[in-house]
Amino acid sequence: MSKDEKLLNAIVKGLQDKKGRDIVIADLTRIDDTICKQFVICTGGSPTQVQALTVSVGDVAREEASAKPVAVDGMRHAQWVAMDYADIIVHIFLPEMREFYDIEHLWADANLTQIPDLD
C-alpha cells in the first residue's frame, strides 16, 4: 500500500469514526494543474461535529499514516474546515455550506468515489 493510500484510508476511517456523512473522494490525478492529487469531501451535522471530525481525521492520520496536515483552516467557525495534507485535501462542511460551494460539480472532470455512510 502506498503512502497516499494509507493516508486516504486513515482519513476515511477518521471521518467514519465520528459519523461523517456523504463522504466523496475526488481523484484529481488526471486533471492538469491541480493543487493536489485528491479531495476528500464530507458533511458534518453541526459545527461541533465538524470540529470532532477534524480532530478525528488528525488523530487517525497521525496514528495510522504518520501524517500531519500542513495546514488546517476554518476551525473557528467550523462551517467549512479544510485540512491540507499536501497531496490530499480534506473538506468538512456543514450541509448548507457544502451545497453552496458544490465542490463535486466544480471538479466534474474528476473521478468521484462515494463512500457509503456507516449506519
N, C-alpha and C. Protein backbone atom coordinates (compact mmCIF):
# COMPACT_ATOMS: atom_id res chain seq x y z
N MET A 1 0.85 -1.18 0.00
CA MET A 1 0.00 0.00 0.00
C MET A 1 0.89 1.24 0.00
N SER A 2 0.57 2.18 -0.88
CA SER A 2 1.38 3.40 -0.97
C SER A 2 1.10 4.32 0.22
N LYS A 3 1.98 5.29 0.38
CA LYS A 3 1.83 6.28 1.45
C LYS A 3 0.50 7.04 1.30
N ASP A 4 0.17 7.42 0.05
CA ASP A 4 -1.09 8.14 -0.20
C ASP A 4 -2.31 7.27 0.10
N GLU A 5 -2.25 5.99 -0.26
CA GLU A 5 -3.37 5.08 0.02
C GLU A 5 -3.56 4.90 1.53
N LYS A 6 -2.45 4.79 2.24
CA LYS A 6 -2.50 4.64 3.69
C LYS A 6 -3.14 5.88 4.33
N LEU A 7 -2.73 7.06 3.87
CA LEU A 7 -3.28 8.31 4.38
C LEU A 7 -4.76 8.42 4.02
N LEU A 8 -5.12 8.10 2.79
CA LEU A 8 -6.52 8.17 2.35
C LEU A 8 -7.40 7.26 3.21
N ASN A 9 -6.95 6.05 3.46
CA ASN A 9 -7.71 5.11 4.31
C ASN A 9 -7.85 5.65 5.72
N ALA A 10 -6.80 6.26 6.25
CA ALA A 10 -6.84 6.82 7.60
C ALA A 10 -7.82 7.99 7.66
N ILE A 11 -7.83 8.83 6.64
CA ILE A 11 -8.75 9.97 6.59
C ILE A 11 -10.19 9.48 6.59
N VAL A 12 -10.49 8.51 5.72
CA VAL A 12 -11.85 7.98 5.65
C VAL A 12 -12.25 7.35 6.99
N LYS A 13 -11.34 6.61 7.59
CA LYS A 13 -11.63 5.99 8.90
C LYS A 13 -11.92 7.07 9.95
N GLY A 14 -11.11 8.13 9.96
CA GLY A 14 -11.32 9.21 10.91
C GLY A 14 -12.68 9.87 10.74
N LEU A 15 -13.11 10.02 9.49
CA LEU A 15 -14.43 10.60 9.21
C LEU A 15 -15.54 9.64 9.64
N GLN A 16 -15.37 8.37 9.32
CA GLN A 16 -16.40 7.39 9.67
C GLN A 16 -16.49 7.18 11.18
N ASP A 17 -15.36 7.29 11.88
CA ASP A 17 -15.36 7.11 13.34
C ASP A 17 -16.27 8.11 14.04
N LYS A 18 -16.43 9.29 13.46
CA LYS A 18 -17.29 10.33 14.06
C LYS A 18 -18.54 10.56 13.24
N LYS A 19 -18.93 9.53 12.48
CA LYS A 19 -20.18 9.53 11.72
C LYS A 19 -20.29 10.64 10.68
N GLY A 20 -19.17 10.91 9.99
CA GLY A 20 -19.21 11.82 8.86
C GLY A 20 -20.14 11.25 7.79
N ARG A 21 -20.85 12.11 7.09
CA ARG A 21 -21.84 11.67 6.11
C ARG A 21 -21.43 12.08 4.69
N ASP A 22 -21.96 11.34 3.73
CA ASP A 22 -21.79 11.68 2.31
C ASP A 22 -20.32 11.90 1.95
N ILE A 23 -19.47 10.95 2.32
CA ILE A 23 -18.04 11.06 2.01
C ILE A 23 -17.82 10.77 0.53
N VAL A 24 -17.11 11.70 -0.12
CA VAL A 24 -16.77 11.54 -1.54
C VAL A 24 -15.27 11.76 -1.69
N ILE A 25 -14.64 10.90 -2.47
CA ILE A 25 -13.23 11.07 -2.82
C ILE A 25 -13.19 11.51 -4.28
N ALA A 26 -12.58 12.66 -4.52
CA ALA A 26 -12.41 13.17 -5.88
C ALA A 26 -10.96 12.96 -6.29
N ASP A 27 -10.75 12.10 -7.27
CA ASP A 27 -9.41 11.81 -7.77
C ASP A 27 -9.08 12.84 -8.86
N LEU A 28 -8.11 13.70 -8.57
CA LEU A 28 -7.75 14.78 -9.48
C LEU A 28 -6.49 14.49 -10.30
N THR A 29 -5.97 13.27 -10.19
CA THR A 29 -4.67 12.96 -10.80
C THR A 29 -4.66 13.09 -12.32
N ARG A 30 -5.80 12.97 -12.96
CA ARG A 30 -5.84 13.05 -14.42
C ARG A 30 -6.19 14.45 -14.92
N ILE A 31 -6.26 15.39 -14.00
CA ILE A 31 -6.59 16.77 -14.37
C ILE A 31 -5.32 17.62 -14.25
N ASP A 32 -5.01 18.39 -15.27
CA ASP A 32 -3.81 19.21 -15.27
C ASP A 32 -3.92 20.38 -14.29
N ASP A 33 -2.78 20.77 -13.73
CA ASP A 33 -2.65 21.98 -12.91
C ASP A 33 -3.57 22.02 -11.69
N THR A 34 -3.69 20.90 -10.98
CA THR A 34 -4.48 20.89 -9.75
C THR A 34 -3.55 21.13 -8.56
N ILE A 35 -4.15 21.54 -7.45
CA ILE A 35 -3.36 21.85 -6.26
C ILE A 35 -3.00 20.61 -5.44
N CYS A 36 -3.65 19.49 -5.74
CA CYS A 36 -3.37 18.26 -5.01
C CYS A 36 -3.81 17.07 -5.88
N LYS A 37 -3.60 15.86 -5.36
CA LYS A 37 -4.00 14.66 -6.10
C LYS A 37 -5.44 14.26 -5.83
N GLN A 38 -5.90 14.52 -4.58
CA GLN A 38 -7.25 14.09 -4.22
C GLN A 38 -7.89 15.06 -3.24
N PHE A 39 -9.20 15.17 -3.36
CA PHE A 39 -10.03 15.82 -2.34
C PHE A 39 -10.80 14.73 -1.64
N VAL A 40 -10.99 14.88 -0.34
CA VAL A 40 -11.94 14.06 0.39
C VAL A 40 -12.95 15.05 0.95
N ILE A 41 -14.21 14.84 0.62
CA ILE A 41 -15.28 15.78 0.97
C ILE A 41 -16.26 15.05 1.88
N CYS A 42 -16.70 15.73 2.95
CA CYS A 42 -17.56 15.11 3.94
C CYS A 42 -18.49 16.15 4.53
N THR A 43 -19.62 15.68 5.07
CA THR A 43 -20.58 16.56 5.73
C THR A 43 -20.70 16.20 7.20
N GLY A 44 -20.69 17.23 8.04
CA GLY A 44 -20.98 17.09 9.46
C GLY A 44 -22.28 17.82 9.76
N GLY A 45 -23.03 17.34 10.74
CA GLY A 45 -24.35 17.87 11.01
C GLY A 45 -24.41 19.16 11.80
N SER A 46 -23.31 19.54 12.46
CA SER A 46 -23.28 20.74 13.29
C SER A 46 -21.84 21.24 13.37
N PRO A 47 -21.62 22.49 13.78
CA PRO A 47 -20.25 22.95 13.96
C PRO A 47 -19.45 22.07 14.93
N THR A 48 -20.10 21.59 15.97
CA THR A 48 -19.42 20.71 16.94
C THR A 48 -18.98 19.42 16.26
N GLN A 49 -19.84 18.85 15.41
CA GLN A 49 -19.46 17.62 14.71
C GLN A 49 -18.35 17.90 13.69
N VAL A 50 -18.41 19.03 13.01
CA VAL A 50 -17.35 19.39 12.05
C VAL A 50 -16.00 19.44 12.79
N GLN A 51 -15.99 20.03 13.97
CA GLN A 51 -14.75 20.09 14.77
C GLN A 51 -14.32 18.68 15.18
N ALA A 52 -15.26 17.85 15.63
CA ALA A 52 -14.94 16.49 16.05
C ALA A 52 -14.40 15.66 14.88
N LEU A 53 -14.98 15.84 13.70
CA LEU A 53 -14.49 15.14 12.51
C LEU A 53 -13.06 15.56 12.20
N THR A 54 -12.78 16.85 12.31
CA THR A 54 -11.44 17.37 12.03
C THR A 54 -10.42 16.78 13.00
N VAL A 55 -10.75 16.77 14.27
CA VAL A 55 -9.84 16.21 15.28
C VAL A 55 -9.64 14.72 15.04
N SER A 56 -10.72 14.01 14.72
CA SER A 56 -10.62 12.57 14.47
C SER A 56 -9.72 12.27 13.27
N VAL A 57 -9.90 12.99 12.17
CA VAL A 57 -9.04 12.79 10.99
C VAL A 57 -7.58 13.03 11.37
N GLY A 58 -7.32 14.12 12.09
CA GLY A 58 -5.95 14.42 12.51
C GLY A 58 -5.34 13.31 13.35
N ASP A 59 -6.13 12.79 14.30
CA ASP A 59 -5.64 11.73 15.19
C ASP A 59 -5.38 10.43 14.43
N VAL A 60 -6.33 9.99 13.62
CA VAL A 60 -6.19 8.72 12.91
C VAL A 60 -5.08 8.81 11.86
N ALA A 61 -4.98 9.94 11.15
CA ALA A 61 -3.93 10.11 10.15
C ALA A 61 -2.54 10.07 10.80
N ARG A 62 -2.43 10.67 11.97
CA ARG A 62 -1.15 10.67 12.69
C ARG A 62 -0.81 9.25 13.17
N GLU A 63 -1.80 8.55 13.74
CA GLU A 63 -1.57 7.22 14.29
C GLU A 63 -1.33 6.16 13.22
N GLU A 64 -2.11 6.19 12.15
CA GLU A 64 -2.08 5.11 11.17
C GLU A 64 -1.25 5.40 9.92
N ALA A 65 -0.99 6.67 9.65
CA ALA A 65 -0.24 7.00 8.43
C ALA A 65 0.95 7.91 8.73
N SER A 66 1.20 8.17 10.01
CA SER A 66 2.30 9.06 10.42
C SER A 66 2.27 10.38 9.67
N ALA A 67 1.07 10.93 9.50
CA ALA A 67 0.91 12.16 8.71
C ALA A 67 0.27 13.25 9.55
N LYS A 68 0.79 14.46 9.36
CA LYS A 68 0.20 15.65 9.98
C LYS A 68 -0.16 16.63 8.87
N PRO A 69 -1.27 17.36 9.04
CA PRO A 69 -1.63 18.32 8.00
C PRO A 69 -0.64 19.48 7.96
N VAL A 70 -0.39 19.98 6.76
CA VAL A 70 0.44 21.17 6.57
C VAL A 70 -0.28 22.38 7.15
N ALA A 71 -1.61 22.39 6.99
CA ALA A 71 -2.44 23.50 7.49
C ALA A 71 -3.85 23.00 7.72
N VAL A 72 -4.52 23.63 8.68
CA VAL A 72 -5.95 23.39 8.94
C VAL A 72 -6.59 24.77 9.04
N ASP A 73 -7.62 25.00 8.25
CA ASP A 73 -8.27 26.31 8.25
C ASP A 73 -9.77 26.13 8.41
N GLY A 74 -10.39 27.01 9.19
CA GLY A 74 -11.84 27.02 9.32
C GLY A 74 -12.38 26.52 10.65
N MET A 75 -11.51 26.12 11.57
CA MET A 75 -11.96 25.56 12.84
C MET A 75 -12.72 26.57 13.70
N ARG A 76 -12.42 27.84 13.55
CA ARG A 76 -13.03 28.86 14.41
C ARG A 76 -14.55 28.87 14.28
N HIS A 77 -15.04 28.86 13.04
CA HIS A 77 -16.49 28.88 12.84
C HIS A 77 -17.04 27.50 12.52
N ALA A 78 -16.16 26.60 12.09
CA ALA A 78 -16.50 25.18 11.83
C ALA A 78 -17.71 25.03 10.92
N GLN A 79 -17.74 25.84 9.85
CA GLN A 79 -18.76 25.67 8.82
C GLN A 79 -18.18 24.94 7.61
N TRP A 80 -16.88 25.21 7.38
CA TRP A 80 -16.13 24.53 6.33
C TRP A 80 -14.70 24.48 6.82
N VAL A 81 -14.22 23.30 7.12
CA VAL A 81 -12.83 23.13 7.55
C VAL A 81 -12.07 22.45 6.41
N ALA A 82 -10.91 22.99 6.08
CA ALA A 82 -10.02 22.38 5.09
C ALA A 82 -8.75 21.93 5.80
N MET A 83 -8.40 20.68 5.57
CA MET A 83 -7.16 20.10 6.12
C MET A 83 -6.25 19.78 4.95
N ASP A 84 -5.08 20.38 4.90
CA ASP A 84 -4.15 20.23 3.78
C ASP A 84 -3.07 19.22 4.13
N TYR A 85 -3.13 18.06 3.49
CA TYR A 85 -2.09 17.05 3.64
C TYR A 85 -1.20 17.01 2.39
N ALA A 86 -1.04 18.13 1.74
CA ALA A 86 -0.24 18.30 0.52
C ALA A 86 -0.89 17.59 -0.67
N ASP A 87 -0.77 16.27 -0.77
CA ASP A 87 -1.35 15.56 -1.91
C ASP A 87 -2.85 15.29 -1.74
N ILE A 88 -3.34 15.39 -0.51
CA ILE A 88 -4.76 15.17 -0.23
C ILE A 88 -5.28 16.34 0.59
N ILE A 89 -6.39 16.92 0.16
CA ILE A 89 -7.03 17.99 0.93
C ILE A 89 -8.40 17.49 1.37
N VAL A 90 -8.65 17.60 2.67
CA VAL A 90 -9.92 17.16 3.26
C VAL A 90 -10.80 18.39 3.46
N HIS A 91 -12.04 18.30 2.99
CA HIS A 91 -13.03 19.37 3.16
C HIS A 91 -14.17 18.82 4.00
N ILE A 92 -14.41 19.44 5.16
CA ILE A 92 -15.50 19.01 6.04
C ILE A 92 -16.47 20.18 6.15
N PHE A 93 -17.69 19.96 5.69
CA PHE A 93 -18.68 21.02 5.55
C PHE A 93 -19.90 20.81 6.44
N LEU A 94 -20.56 21.92 6.80
CA LEU A 94 -21.95 21.86 7.23
C LEU A 94 -22.78 21.66 5.96
N PRO A 95 -23.97 21.04 6.04
CA PRO A 95 -24.74 20.73 4.83
C PRO A 95 -24.98 21.94 3.92
N GLU A 96 -25.37 23.08 4.50
CA GLU A 96 -25.69 24.24 3.66
C GLU A 96 -24.45 24.81 2.98
N MET A 97 -23.30 24.71 3.63
CA MET A 97 -22.05 25.20 3.01
C MET A 97 -21.61 24.26 1.89
N ARG A 98 -21.77 22.97 2.10
CA ARG A 98 -21.40 22.01 1.05
C ARG A 98 -22.28 22.22 -0.18
N GLU A 99 -23.56 22.42 0.05
CA GLU A 99 -24.48 22.65 -1.06
C GLU A 99 -24.13 23.94 -1.80
N PHE A 100 -23.82 24.99 -1.05
CA PHE A 100 -23.50 26.29 -1.65
C PHE A 100 -22.24 26.22 -2.51
N TYR A 101 -21.15 25.63 -1.98
CA TYR A 101 -19.88 25.61 -2.72
C TYR A 101 -19.82 24.50 -3.76
N ASP A 102 -20.54 23.41 -3.55
CA ASP A 102 -20.72 22.36 -4.55
C ASP A 102 -19.41 21.93 -5.23
N ILE A 103 -18.43 21.62 -4.41
CA ILE A 103 -17.09 21.27 -4.92
C ILE A 103 -17.12 20.11 -5.90
N GLU A 104 -17.97 19.13 -5.64
CA GLU A 104 -18.01 17.96 -6.54
C GLU A 104 -18.29 18.38 -7.99
N HIS A 105 -19.17 19.37 -8.17
CA HIS A 105 -19.50 19.79 -9.53
C HIS A 105 -18.46 20.76 -10.11
N LEU A 106 -17.76 21.47 -9.25
CA LEU A 106 -16.66 22.31 -9.74
C LEU A 106 -15.57 21.45 -10.37
N TRP A 107 -15.39 20.25 -9.80
CA TRP A 107 -14.38 19.31 -10.28
C TRP A 107 -15.07 18.16 -11.00
N ALA A 108 -15.98 18.48 -11.90
CA ALA A 108 -16.79 17.47 -12.57
C ALA A 108 -15.94 16.50 -13.40
N ASP A 109 -14.74 16.91 -13.80
CA ASP A 109 -13.86 16.03 -14.59
C ASP A 109 -13.16 15.00 -13.71
N ALA A 110 -13.24 15.16 -12.41
CA ALA A 110 -12.58 14.23 -11.50
C ALA A 110 -13.35 12.91 -11.43
N ASN A 111 -12.63 11.84 -11.13
CA ASN A 111 -13.27 10.56 -10.87
C ASN A 111 -13.77 10.59 -9.43
N LEU A 112 -15.10 10.54 -9.23
CA LEU A 112 -15.67 10.65 -7.90
C LEU A 112 -16.04 9.26 -7.37
N THR A 113 -15.64 9.00 -6.12
CA THR A 113 -15.96 7.75 -5.45
C THR A 113 -16.77 8.07 -4.21
N GLN A 114 -17.98 7.54 -4.13
CA GLN A 114 -18.86 7.73 -2.97
C GLN A 114 -18.55 6.64 -1.96
N ILE A 115 -18.30 7.04 -0.70
CA ILE A 115 -18.06 6.09 0.37
C ILE A 115 -19.38 5.92 1.13
N PRO A 116 -19.87 4.70 1.29
CA PRO A 116 -21.16 4.53 1.98
C PRO A 116 -21.10 5.01 3.43
N ASP A 117 -22.22 5.63 3.89
CA ASP A 117 -22.32 6.02 5.29
C ASP A 117 -22.37 4.75 6.15
N LEU A 118 -21.78 4.81 7.33
CA LEU A 118 -21.85 3.70 8.28
C LEU A 118 -23.04 3.95 9.20
N ASP A 119 -24.09 3.20 9.01
CA ASP A 119 -25.28 3.36 9.86
C ASP A 119 -25.68 2.02 10.39
